[in-house]
Amino acid sequence: MALNDDQLKEFFKASPKEPKLLRIPSIKYLMIDGTGDPNNSPEFQAAVQALYSLAYGIKFGRKKRGEPSDYKITPLEGQWWADDMNAFMPNGDRSAWKWTLMIAQPSFITQRDLNLAVEQALDKGVEAPIESVRLAPLKEGAAVQIMHVGPYATEGTTIEKLHHFATDHGYELTGKHHEIYMGDPRRTKPANLKTILRQPVLLRKKAAQKA
């Protein structure tokens, strides 16, 4: 199933007013791991460059080879966590943040596609950690999500709303905090940035019956 199919579009939409429970299927991603403050970490910026270089490399490589390539490059996504979650408090140690950056791929993308794109990027001398990028599935299952509108630094209130929605409905928080960046901070005013916030949850029996 390709990512531009109507059946998957709903997972890249969210309301800023009310969280919603979704069941996220297994989706293939280009992924790269790292640590550090995204605002001043060279590692973070290099990881973003590596992902986009390979995402476009895969698409254009397939087009050049006459293989299916009629799909859109989806937004950058990230999973966030830390050994000590106090690192995410207002005055926490942002250098301790851990992250996996991701770009979703159509289901027909293969390891061969990635290998060919890596070879091409290396031949072009791309200065990014492209060999650290992997292609892997992610199945989050049940998750609640909401749209945050505004600067990344103000996500706390929206995250709190998301967590309260989950616990109020009898869901148990699990897994890693997930963000989908619908806006480009280089071209969009901070007040207008849109970010989907997603939290995987476990459904207790009663809650699952109601969902």
Foldseek 3Di string as FASTA:
>chain_A
DFCVDPVNVVVVDAAQPAKDKDFFFKFKKWKFKDFAACVDDPQNVLRVVLRVLLLVLLLVVCVVVVHDRPDDWFFKKKWKDFPDRCLPPPPHVRRRIIMMIITTGTPPDDVVSSVVSVVVCVVVVPDGVNVRIDIDIDGLTIKMKHKDAFAPSPCVVVVVNRVCVQVVLPWAFDDTWMKTWPDDPVPDDRRGTIIMIMTRTHHDPVSVVVD
